[in-house]
Amino acid sequence: KYEPIVFVNNPISNSKDDVIGFDSQIDTLL
């Protein structure tokens, strides 16, 4: 009944790969 989930825990290292939308957090930190 369950399909396996593959979770690759690699950090995003390029803004082009950011599908989450960290831009606003980056602006806040800067």
Full PDB file with SEQRES, HELIX, SHEET, SSBOND, CRYST1, ORIGX, SCALE, CONECT and MASTER records, all heavy atoms in Angstrom:
SEQRES   1 A   30  LYS TYR GLU PRO ILE VAL PHE VAL ASN ASN PRO ILE SER          
SEQRES   2 A   30  ASN SER LYS ASP ASP VAL ILE GLY PHE ASP SER GLN ILE          
SEQRES   3 A   30  ASP THR LEU LEU                                              
HELIX    1 AA1 SER A   15  ASP A   17  5                                   3    
HELIX    2 AA2 ASP A   23  LEU A   29  1                                   7    
CRYST1    1.000    1.000    1.000  90.00  90.00  90.00 P 1           1          
ORIGX1      1.000000  0.000000  0.000000        0.00000                         
ORIGX2      0.000000  1.000000  0.000000        0.00000                         
ORIGX3      0.000000  0.000000  1.000000        0.00000                         
SCALE1      1.000000  0.000000  0.000000        0.00000                         
SCALE2      0.000000  1.000000  0.000000        0.00000                         
SCALE3      0.000000  0.000000  1.000000        0.00000                         
ATOM      1  N   LYS A   1       0.821  -1.209   0.000  1.00  0.00           N  
ATOM      2  CA  LYS A   1       0.000   0.000   0.000  1.00  0.00           C  
ATOM      3  C   LYS A   1       0.857   1.262   0.000  1.00  0.00           C  
ATOM      4  O   LYS A   1       0.401   2.327  -0.380  1.00  0.00           O  
ATOM      5  CB  LYS A   1      -0.938   0.028   1.204  1.00  0.00           C  
ATOM      6  CG  LYS A   1      -2.014  -1.027   1.147  1.00  0.00           C  
ATOM      7  CD  LYS A   1      -2.889  -0.950   2.377  1.00  0.00           C  
ATOM      8  CE  LYS A   1      -3.912  -2.075   2.384  1.00  0.00           C  
ATOM      9  NZ  LYS A   1      -4.720  -2.041   3.601  1.00  0.00           N  
ATOM     10  N   TYR A   2       2.072   1.170   0.444  1.00  0.00           N  
ATOM     11  CA  TYR A   2       2.946   2.331   0.581  1.00  0.00           C  
ATOM     12  C   TYR A   2       4.043   2.305  -0.463  1.00  0.00           C  
ATOM     13  O   TYR A   2       4.673   1.291  -0.692  1.00  0.00           O  
ATOM     14  CB  TYR A   2       3.582   2.368   1.977  1.00  0.00           C  
ATOM     15  CG  TYR A   2       2.564   2.457   3.081  1.00  0.00           C  
ATOM     16  CD1 TYR A   2       2.209   1.338   3.815  1.00  0.00           C  
ATOM     17  CD2 TYR A   2       1.951   3.664   3.373  1.00  0.00           C  
ATOM     18  CE1 TYR A   2       1.266   1.418   4.816  1.00  0.00           C  
ATOM     19  CE2 TYR A   2       1.017   3.751   4.367  1.00  0.00           C  
ATOM     20  CZ  TYR A   2       0.672   2.628   5.090  1.00  0.00           C  
ATOM     21  OH  TYR A   2      -0.262   2.703   6.076  1.00  0.00           O  
ATOM     22  N   GLU A   3       4.256   3.449  -1.085  1.00  0.00           N  
ATOM     23  CA  GLU A   3       5.359   3.574  -2.018  1.00  0.00           C  
ATOM     24  C   GLU A   3       6.535   4.204  -1.288  1.00  0.00           C  
ATOM     25  O   GLU A   3       6.349   5.125  -0.489  1.00  0.00           O  
ATOM     26  CB  GLU A   3       4.959   4.446  -3.204  1.00  0.00           C  
ATOM     27  CG  GLU A   3       3.930   3.781  -4.081  1.00  0.00           C  
ATOM     28  CD  GLU A   3       3.738   4.525  -5.388  1.00  0.00           C  
ATOM     29  OE1 GLU A   3       4.707   5.144  -5.864  1.00  0.00           O  
ATOM     30  OE2 GLU A   3       2.624   4.464  -5.896  1.00  0.00           O  
ATOM     31  N   PRO A   4       7.725   3.711  -1.539  1.00  0.00           N  
ATOM     32  CA  PRO A   4       8.893   4.275  -0.845  1.00  0.00           C  
ATOM     33  C   PRO A   4       9.136   5.723  -1.274  1.00  0.00           C  
ATOM     34  O   PRO A   4       8.866   6.090  -2.410  1.00  0.00           O  
ATOM     35  CB  PRO A   4      10.047   3.370  -1.281  1.00  0.00           C  
ATOM     36  CG  PRO A   4       9.575   2.744  -2.542  1.00  0.00           C  
ATOM     37  CD  PRO A   4       8.082   2.669  -2.462  1.00  0.00           C  
ATOM     38  N   ILE A   5       9.608   6.501  -0.340  1.00  0.00           N  
ATOM     39  CA  ILE A   5       9.955   7.892  -0.608  1.00  0.00           C  
ATOM     40  C   ILE A   5      11.471   8.002  -0.560  1.00  0.00           C  
ATOM     41  O   ILE A   5      12.105   7.571   0.396  1.00  0.00           O  
ATOM     42  CB  ILE A   5       9.330   8.833   0.452  1.00  0.00           C  
ATOM     43  CG1 ILE A   5       7.818   8.753   0.391  1.00  0.00           C  
ATOM     44  CG2 ILE A   5       9.818  10.255   0.260  1.00  0.00           C  
ATOM     45  CD1 ILE A   5       7.130   9.497   1.508  1.00  0.00           C  
ATOM     46  N   VAL A   6      12.038   8.561  -1.597  1.00  0.00           N  
ATOM     47  CA  VAL A   6      13.479   8.770  -1.628  1.00  0.00           C  
ATOM     48  C   VAL A   6      13.733  10.209  -1.205  1.00  0.00           C  
ATOM     49  O   VAL A   6      13.227  11.143  -1.813  1.00  0.00           O  
ATOM     50  CB  VAL A   6      14.050   8.503  -3.036  1.00  0.00           C  
ATOM     51  CG1 VAL A   6      15.539   8.792  -3.070  1.00  0.00           C  
ATOM     52  CG2 VAL A   6      13.753   7.078  -3.462  1.00  0.00           C  
ATOM     53  N   PHE A   7      14.493  10.376  -0.146  1.00  0.00           N  
ATOM     54  CA  PHE A   7      14.796  11.700   0.380  1.00  0.00           C  
ATOM     55  C   PHE A   7      16.293  11.912   0.299  1.00  0.00           C  
ATOM     56  O   PHE A   7      17.059  11.245   0.973  1.00  0.00           O  
ATOM     57  CB  PHE A   7      14.307  11.815   1.827  1.00  0.00           C  
ATOM     58  CG  PHE A   7      14.600  13.138   2.455  1.00  0.00           C  
ATOM     59  CD1 PHE A   7      13.906  14.272   2.063  1.00  0.00           C  
ATOM     60  CD2 PHE A   7      15.562  13.256   3.427  1.00  0.00           C  
ATOM     61  CE1 PHE A   7      14.168  15.500   2.638  1.00  0.00           C  
ATOM     62  CE2 PHE A   7      15.828  14.488   4.012  1.00  0.00           C  
ATOM     63  CZ  PHE A   7      15.127  15.603   3.613  1.00  0.00           C  
ATOM     64  N   VAL A   8      16.702  12.809  -0.565  1.00  0.00           N  
ATOM     65  CA  VAL A   8      18.115  13.140  -0.698  1.00  0.00           C  
ATOM     66  C   VAL A   8      18.325  14.457   0.040  1.00  0.00           C  
ATOM     67  O   VAL A   8      17.773  15.478  -0.316  1.00  0.00           O  
ATOM     68  CB  VAL A   8      18.518  13.285  -2.181  1.00  0.00           C  
ATOM     69  CG1 VAL A   8      19.990  13.648  -2.302  1.00  0.00           C  
ATOM     70  CG2 VAL A   8      18.208  12.003  -2.928  1.00  0.00           C  
ATOM     71  N   ASN A   9      19.113  14.403   1.072  1.00  0.00           N  
ATOM     72  CA  ASN A   9      19.304  15.578   1.915  1.00  0.00           C  
ATOM     73  C   ASN A   9      20.565  16.335   1.497  1.00  0.00           C  
ATOM     74  O   ASN A   9      21.571  16.318   2.177  1.00  0.00           O  
ATOM     75  CB  ASN A   9      19.381  15.163   3.379  1.00  0.00           C  
ATOM     76  CG  ASN A   9      19.338  16.353   4.295  1.00  0.00           C  
ATOM     77  OD1 ASN A   9      18.891  17.418   3.900  1.00  0.00           O  
ATOM     78  ND2 ASN A   9      19.804  16.188   5.510  1.00  0.00           N  
ATOM     79  N   ASN A  10      20.490  16.981   0.348  1.00  0.00           N  
ATOM     80  CA  ASN A  10      21.585  17.820  -0.121  1.00  0.00           C  
ATOM     81  C   ASN A  10      21.125  19.267  -0.108  1.00  0.00           C  
ATOM     82  O   ASN A  10      20.068  19.574  -0.649  1.00  0.00           O  
ATOM     83  CB  ASN A  10      21.990  17.445  -1.550  1.00  0.00           C  
ATOM     84  CG  ASN A  10      22.611  16.073  -1.633  1.00  0.00           C  
ATOM     85  OD1 ASN A  10      23.281  15.637  -0.713  1.00  0.00           O  
ATOM     86  ND2 ASN A  10      22.364  15.380  -2.728  1.00  0.00           N  
ATOM     87  N   PRO A  11      21.913  20.143   0.498  1.00  0.00           N  
ATOM     88  CA  PRO A  11      21.525  21.553   0.530  1.00  0.00           C  
ATOM     89  C   PRO A  11      21.475  22.174  -0.860  1.00  0.00           C  
ATOM     90  O   PRO A  11      22.216  21.767  -1.755  1.00  0.00           O  
ATOM     91  CB  PRO A  11      22.634  22.218   1.357  1.00  0.00           C  
ATOM     92  CG  PRO A  11      23.369  21.122   2.016  1.00  0.00           C  
ATOM     93  CD  PRO A  11      23.148  19.890   1.215  1.00  0.00           C  
ATOM     94  N   ILE A  12      20.613  23.139  -1.022  1.00  0.00           N  
ATOM     95  CA  ILE A  12      20.559  23.922  -2.254  1.00  0.00           C  
ATOM     96  C   ILE A  12      21.783  24.833  -2.231  1.00  0.00           C  
ATOM     97  O   ILE A  12      22.000  25.556  -1.268  1.00  0.00           O  
ATOM     98  CB  ILE A  12      19.280  24.771  -2.306  1.00  0.00           C  
ATOM     99  CG1 ILE A  12      18.039  23.885  -2.236  1.00  0.00           C  
ATOM    100  CG2 ILE A  12      19.260  25.643  -3.542  1.00  0.00           C  
ATOM    101  CD1 ILE A  12      16.762  24.660  -1.953  1.00  0.00           C  
ATOM    102  N   SER A  13      22.563  24.806  -3.283  1.00  0.00           N  
ATOM    103  CA  SER A  13      23.759  25.646  -3.287  1.00  0.00           C  
ATOM    104  C   SER A  13      23.733  26.696  -4.392  1.00  0.00           C  
ATOM    105  O   SER A  13      24.673  27.456  -4.530  1.00  0.00           O  
ATOM    106  CB  SER A  13      25.012  24.778  -3.426  1.00  0.00           C  
ATOM    107  OG  SER A  13      24.946  24.019  -4.611  1.00  0.00           O  
ATOM    108  N   ASN A  14      22.643  26.728  -5.144  1.00  0.00           N  
ATOM    109  CA  ASN A  14      22.534  27.671  -6.243  1.00  0.00           C  
ATOM    110  C   ASN A  14      21.117  28.243  -6.246  1.00  0.00           C  
ATOM    111  O   ASN A  14      20.146  27.487  -6.179  1.00  0.00           O  
ATOM    112  CB  ASN A  14      22.828  26.944  -7.557  1.00  0.00           C  
ATOM    113  CG  ASN A  14      22.906  27.866  -8.732  1.00  0.00           C  
ATOM    114  OD1 ASN A  14      22.145  28.823  -8.843  1.00  0.00           O  
ATOM    115  ND2 ASN A  14      23.819  27.582  -9.628  1.00  0.00           N  
ATOM    116  N   SER A  15      21.001  29.540  -6.337  1.00  0.00           N  
ATOM    117  CA  SER A  15      19.682  30.175  -6.290  1.00  0.00           C  
ATOM    118  C   SER A  15      18.775  29.712  -7.425  1.00  0.00           C  
ATOM    119  O   SER A  15      17.552  29.742  -7.302  1.00  0.00           O  
ATOM    120  CB  SER A  15      19.811  31.698  -6.299  1.00  0.00           C  
ATOM    121  OG  SER A  15      20.489  32.127  -7.457  1.00  0.00           O  
ATOM    122  N   LYS A  16      19.351  29.244  -8.517  1.00  0.00           N  
ATOM    123  CA  LYS A  16      18.551  28.721  -9.631  1.00  0.00           C  
ATOM    124  C   LYS A  16      17.809  27.441  -9.241  1.00  0.00           C  
ATOM    125  O   LYS A  16      16.785  27.115  -9.819  1.00  0.00           O  
ATOM    126  CB  LYS A  16      19.437  28.451 -10.842  1.00  0.00           C  
ATOM    127  CG  LYS A  16      20.051  29.690 -11.434  1.00  0.00           C  
ATOM    128  CD  LYS A  16      21.009  29.347 -12.553  1.00  0.00           C  
ATOM    129  CE  LYS A  16      21.732  30.593 -13.013  1.00  0.00           C  
ATOM    130  NZ  LYS A  16      22.788  30.299 -13.978  1.00  0.00           N  
ATOM    131  N   ASP A  17      18.332  26.719  -8.250  1.00  0.00           N  
ATOM    132  CA  ASP A  17      17.723  25.474  -7.796  1.00  0.00           C  
ATOM    133  C   ASP A  17      16.739  25.680  -6.649  1.00  0.00           C  
ATOM    134  O   ASP A  17      16.164  24.714  -6.152  1.00  0.00           O  
ATOM    135  CB  ASP A  17      18.809  24.490  -7.347  1.00  0.00           C  
ATOM    136  CG  ASP A  17      19.754  24.116  -8.469  1.00  0.00           C  
ATOM    137  OD1 ASP A  17      19.310  24.101  -9.632  1.00  0.00           O  
ATOM    138  OD2 ASP A  17      20.934  23.842  -8.184  1.00  0.00           O  
ATOM    139  N   ASP A  18      16.556  26.913  -6.228  1.00  0.00           N  
ATOM    140  CA  ASP A  18      15.682  27.212  -5.084  1.00  0.00           C  
ATOM    141  C   ASP A  18      14.214  27.204  -5.502  1.00  0.00           C  
ATOM    142  O   ASP A  18      13.699  28.190  -6.000  1.00  0.00           O  
ATOM    143  CB  ASP A  18      16.054  28.563  -4.477  1.00  0.00           C  
ATOM    144  CG  ASP A  18      15.181  28.946  -3.294  1.00  0.00           C  
ATOM    145  OD1 ASP A  18      14.524  28.063  -2.726  1.00  0.00           O  
ATOM    146  OD2 ASP A  18      15.160  30.143  -2.952  1.00  0.00           O  
ATOM    147  N   VAL A  19      13.557  26.079  -5.276  1.00  0.00           N  
ATOM    148  CA  VAL A  19      12.127  25.984  -5.586  1.00  0.00           C  
ATOM    149  C   VAL A  19      11.283  26.269  -4.342  1.00  0.00           C  
ATOM    150  O   VAL A  19      10.065  26.377  -4.422  1.00  0.00           O  
ATOM    151  CB  VAL A  19      11.757  24.596  -6.162  1.00  0.00           C  
ATOM    152  CG1 VAL A  19      12.445  24.372  -7.494  1.00  0.00           C  
ATOM    153  CG2 VAL A  19      12.095  23.489  -5.186  1.00  0.00           C  
ATOM    154  N   ILE A  20      11.947  26.398  -3.203  1.00  0.00           N  
ATOM    155  CA  ILE A  20      11.239  26.656  -1.945  1.00  0.00           C  
ATOM    156  C   ILE A  20      10.912  28.134  -1.800  1.00  0.00           C  
ATOM    157  O   ILE A  20       9.865  28.495  -1.291  1.00  0.00           O  
ATOM    158  CB  ILE A  20      12.080  26.152  -0.745  1.00  0.00           C  
ATOM    159  CG1 ILE A  20      12.246  24.635  -0.863  1.00  0.00           C  
ATOM    160  CG2 ILE A  20      11.449  26.536   0.573  1.00  0.00           C  
ATOM    161  CD1 ILE A  20      13.206  24.039   0.108  1.00  0.00           C  
ATOM    162  N   GLY A  21      11.808  28.983  -2.250  1.00  0.00           N  
ATOM    163  CA  GLY A  21      11.598  30.420  -2.143  1.00  0.00           C  
ATOM    164  C   GLY A  21      12.267  31.034  -0.939  1.00  0.00           C  
ATOM    165  O   GLY A  21      11.648  31.728  -0.140  1.00  0.00           O  
ATOM    166  N   PHE A  22      13.563  30.788  -0.800  1.00  0.00           N  
ATOM    167  CA  PHE A  22      14.325  31.345   0.314  1.00  0.00           C  
ATOM    168  C   PHE A  22      14.686  32.816   0.103  1.00  0.00           C  
ATOM    169  O   PHE A  22      15.312  33.424   0.965  1.00  0.00           O  
ATOM    170  CB  PHE A  22      15.623  30.549   0.521  1.00  0.00           C  
ATOM    171  CG  PHE A  22      15.439  29.254   1.252  1.00  0.00           C  
ATOM    172  CD1 PHE A  22      15.772  28.063   0.650  1.00  0.00           C  
ATOM    173  CD2 PHE A  22      14.965  29.222   2.544  1.00  0.00           C  
ATOM    174  CE1 PHE A  22      15.636  26.861   1.309  1.00  0.00           C  
ATOM    175  CE2 PHE A  22      14.814  28.034   3.222  1.00  0.00           C  
ATOM    176  CZ  PHE A  22      15.150  26.849   2.606  1.00  0.00           C  
ATOM    177  N   ASP A  23      14.312  33.390  -1.025  1.00  0.00           N  
ATOM    178  CA  ASP A  23      14.722  34.761  -1.357  1.00  0.00           C  
ATOM    179  C   ASP A  23      14.420  35.768  -0.258  1.00  0.00           C  
ATOM    180  O   ASP A  23      15.272  36.592   0.086  1.00  0.00           O  
ATOM    181  CB  ASP A  23      14.044  35.231  -2.640  1.00  0.00           C  
ATOM    182  CG  ASP A  23      14.529  34.490  -3.866  1.00  0.00           C  
ATOM    183  OD1 ASP A  23      15.564  33.817  -3.785  1.00  0.00           O  
ATOM    184  OD2 ASP A  23      13.868  34.591  -4.909  1.00  0.00           O  
ATOM    185  N   SER A  24      13.224  35.725   0.297  1.00  0.00           N  
ATOM    186  CA  SER A  24      12.869  36.723   1.313  1.00  0.00           C  
ATOM    187  C   SER A  24      13.682  36.541   2.589  1.00  0.00           C  
ATOM    188  O   SER A  24      14.060  37.518   3.232  1.00  0.00           O  
ATOM    189  CB  SER A  24      11.371  36.669   1.625  1.00  0.00           C  
ATOM    190  OG  SER A  24      11.021  35.426   2.196  1.00  0.00           O  
ATOM    191  N   GLN A  25      13.987  35.288   2.928  1.00  0.00           N  
ATOM    192  CA  GLN A  25      14.829  35.057   4.109  1.00  0.00           C  
ATOM    193  C   GLN A  25      16.251  35.535   3.862  1.00  0.00           C  
ATOM    194  O   GLN A  25      16.880  36.089   4.759  1.00  0.00           O  
ATOM    195  CB  GLN A  25      14.827  33.562   4.491  1.00  0.00           C  
ATOM    196  CG  GLN A  25      13.541  33.089   5.107  1.00  0.00           C  
ATOM    197  CD  GLN A  25      12.515  32.665   4.071  1.00  0.00           C  
ATOM    198  OE1 GLN A  25      12.795  32.625   2.882  1.00  0.00           O  
ATOM    199  NE2 GLN A  25      11.323  32.339   4.512  1.00  0.00           N  
ATOM    200  N   ILE A  26      16.735  35.345   2.639  1.00  0.00           N  
ATOM    201  CA  ILE A  26      18.079  35.815   2.291  1.00  0.00           C  
ATOM    202  C   ILE A  26      18.131  37.337   2.395  1.00  0.00           C  
ATOM    203  O   ILE A  26      19.070  37.904   2.962  1.00  0.00           O  
ATOM    204  CB  ILE A  26      18.480  35.346   0.870  1.00  0.00           C  
ATOM    205  CG1 ILE A  26      18.535  33.822   0.781  1.00  0.00           C  
ATOM    206  CG2 ILE A  26      19.794  35.981   0.433  1.00  0.00           C  
ATOM    207  CD1 ILE A  26      19.545  33.168   1.672  1.00  0.00           C  
ATOM    208  N   ASP A  27      17.100  38.001   1.874  1.00  0.00           N  
ATOM    209  CA  ASP A  27      17.046  39.471   1.951  1.00  0.00           C  
ATOM    210  C   ASP A  27      17.041  39.941   3.398  1.00  0.00           C  
ATOM    211  O   ASP A  27      17.712  40.921   3.746  1.00  0.00           O  
ATOM    212  CB  ASP A  27      15.807  40.000   1.224  1.00  0.00           C  
ATOM    213  CG  ASP A  27      15.878  39.799  -0.283  1.00  0.00           C  
ATOM    214  OD1 ASP A  27      16.992  39.569  -0.802  1.00  0.00           O  
ATOM    215  OD2 ASP A  27      14.816  39.854  -0.929  1.00  0.00           O  
ATOM    216  N   THR A  28      16.294  39.248   4.250  1.00  0.00           N  
ATOM    217  CA  THR A  28      16.230  39.610   5.666  1.00  0.00           C  
ATOM    218  C   THR A  28      17.588  39.446   6.333  1.00  0.00           C  
ATOM    219  O   THR A  28      18.034  40.324   7.087  1.00  0.00           O  
ATOM    220  CB  THR A  28      15.175  38.749   6.395  1.00  0.00           C  
ATOM    221  OG1 THR A  28      13.909  38.960   5.785  1.00  0.00           O  
ATOM    222  CG2 THR A  28      15.101  39.086   7.868  1.00  0.00           C  
ATOM    223  N   LEU A  29      18.262  38.346   6.041  1.00  0.00           N  
ATOM    224  CA  LEU A  29      19.585  38.114   6.626  1.00  0.00           C  
ATOM    225  C   LEU A  29      20.608  39.132   6.127  1.00  0.00           C  
ATOM    226  O   LEU A  29      21.422  39.634   6.906  1.00  0.00           O  
ATOM    227  CB  LEU A  29      20.056  36.689   6.322  1.00  0.00           C  
ATOM    228  CG  LEU A  29      19.309  35.582   7.054  1.00  0.00           C  
ATOM    229  CD1 LEU A  29      19.691  34.224   6.491  1.00  0.00           C  
ATOM    230  CD2 LEU A  29      19.585  35.645   8.547  1.00  0.00           C  
ATOM    231  N   LEU A  30      20.567  39.440   4.827  1.00  0.00           N  
ATOM    232  CA  LEU A  30      21.486  40.444   4.282  1.00  0.00           C  
ATOM    233  C   LEU A  30      21.242  41.815   4.912  1.00  0.00           C  
ATOM    234  O   LEU A  30      22.192  42.549   5.196  1.00  0.00           O  
ATOM    235  CB  LEU A  30      21.360  40.524   2.760  1.00  0.00           C  
ATOM    236  CG  LEU A  30      21.938  39.351   1.980  1.00  0.00           C  
ATOM    237  CD1 LEU A  30      21.557  39.432   0.509  1.00  0.00           C  
ATOM    238  CD2 LEU A  30      23.452  39.288   2.144  1.00  0.00           C  
TER     239      LEU A  30                                                      
MASTER        0    0    0    2    0    0    0    6  238    1    0    3          
END                                                                             
